[in-house]
Amino acid sequence: MLPIALPLDPMLARAVADVPVREPGALSYEPKWDGFRCIAARDGDEVTLWSRSRKPLTDYFPEVAAACRRWLPDRAVVDGEIVVRSGDPGA
């Protein structure tokens, strides 16, 4: 059993006018992709995916659940974005 209570609330993106300037290593940021906000929890072979509004997503994205089983440690919780890419994969 994971040592934290689930489901967790995701961290929320915040729009800013300019990228802040800080000393190297003091700040990290990433672009906002338009996808499905998802929290994934793995506890052994059990993987649960849910949305930012706590709706279950596991049945909608079985390939993501399978990837979590393959790549995440046996006990982990990650917060991220599921992005469906279209077009030329070489572009």
Protein backbone atom coordinates (compact mmCIF):
# COMPACT_ATOMS: atom_id res chain seq x y z
CA MET A 1 0.00 0.00 0.00
CA LEU A 2 1.32 3.45 -0.90
CA PRO A 3 2.27 5.60 2.10
CA ILE A 4 0.18 8.58 0.89
CA ALA A 5 -3.56 9.13 0.62
CA LEU A 6 -5.00 8.93 -2.89
CA PRO A 7 -6.24 10.55 -5.00
CA LEU A 8 -3.92 13.54 -4.89
CA ASP A 9 -4.68 16.97 -6.31
CA PRO A 10 -2.39 17.85 -9.25
CA MET A 11 -0.09 20.83 -9.38
CA LEU A 12 -1.66 23.49 -11.60
CA ALA A 13 0.06 25.40 -14.38
CA ARG A 14 0.24 29.15 -14.08
CA ALA A 15 0.48 31.53 -17.01
CA VAL A 16 3.15 34.24 -16.86
CA ALA A 17 3.96 37.12 -19.22
CA ASP A 18 7.72 36.40 -19.26
CA VAL A 19 9.92 33.49 -18.35
CA PRO A 20 11.43 34.35 -14.96
CA VAL A 21 15.20 34.80 -14.79
CA ARG A 22 16.83 33.08 -11.82
CA GLU A 23 20.21 31.70 -10.95
CA PRO A 24 20.94 28.42 -12.78
CA GLY A 25 19.26 25.43 -11.18
CA ALA A 26 16.94 27.53 -8.99
CA LEU A 27 13.87 27.29 -11.24
CA SER A 28 12.44 24.83 -13.71
CA TYR A 29 9.55 25.19 -16.13
CA GLU A 30 8.09 23.51 -19.16
CA PRO A 31 5.69 24.37 -21.98
CA LYS A 32 1.98 23.69 -21.46
CA TRP A 33 0.82 20.98 -23.85
CA ASP A 34 -2.86 20.57 -24.64
CA GLY A 35 -3.68 17.09 -23.43
CA PHE A 36 -5.25 15.22 -20.55
CA ARG A 37 -3.93 16.10 -17.10
CA CYS A 38 -3.32 12.80 -15.36
CA ILE A 39 -2.04 11.51 -12.07
CA ALA A 40 -0.77 7.93 -12.23
CA ALA A 41 -0.24 5.77 -9.17
CA ARG A 42 1.56 2.44 -9.27
CA ASP A 43 1.50 0.04 -6.35
CA GLY A 44 3.01 -3.21 -7.57
CA ASP A 45 0.99 -4.43 -10.55
CA GLU A 46 -1.92 -2.10 -9.74
CA VAL A 47 -1.95 1.15 -11.71
CA THR A 48 -4.62 3.80 -11.35
CA LEU A 49 -4.95 6.87 -13.58
CA TRP A 50 -7.24 9.80 -12.82
CA SER A 51 -7.90 13.31 -14.08
CA ARG A 52 -7.41 16.62 -12.33
CA SER A 53 -11.13 16.52 -11.43
CA ARG A 54 -10.58 12.99 -10.01
CA LYS A 55 -12.38 11.17 -12.83
CA PRO A 56 -10.96 7.70 -13.53
CA LEU A 57 -8.87 7.49 -16.72
CA THR A 58 -7.38 3.99 -16.46
CA ASP A 59 -9.92 2.39 -18.82
CA TYR A 60 -9.47 5.18 -21.40
CA PHE A 61 -5.67 4.88 -21.55
CA PRO A 62 -4.70 1.22 -21.03
CA GLU A 63 -1.45 1.79 -22.94
CA VAL A 64 -0.45 4.47 -20.40
CA ALA A 65 -1.24 2.11 -17.52
CA ALA A 66 0.89 -0.57 -19.20
CA ALA A 67 3.75 1.91 -19.65
CA CYS A 68 3.51 2.81 -15.96
CA ARG A 69 3.84 -0.87 -15.06
CA ARG A 70 6.87 -1.15 -17.31
CA TRP A 71 8.75 2.08 -16.51
CA LEU A 72 7.76 3.32 -13.05
CA PRO A 73 9.18 1.93 -9.81
CA ASP A 74 6.92 -0.58 -8.00
CA ARG A 75 5.58 2.19 -5.76
CA ALA A 76 5.25 5.62 -7.36
CA VAL A 77 2.89 8.51 -8.01
CA VAL A 78 3.49 10.88 -10.95
CA ASP A 79 1.64 13.98 -12.15
CA GLY A 80 1.76 14.74 -15.86
CA GLU A 81 0.00 15.32 -19.15
CA ILE A 82 -1.17 12.67 -21.61
CA VAL A 83 -0.63 14.15 -25.05
CA VAL A 84 -1.86 12.42 -28.19
CA ARG A 85 0.56 13.21 -30.95
CA SER A 86 -0.58 13.26 -34.56
CA GLY A 87 1.21 13.81 -37.84
CA ASP A 88 4.66 12.78 -38.98
CA PRO A 89 6.64 11.27 -36.05
CA GLY A 90 9.85 12.47 -37.71
CA ALA A 91 8.75 16.10 -37.76
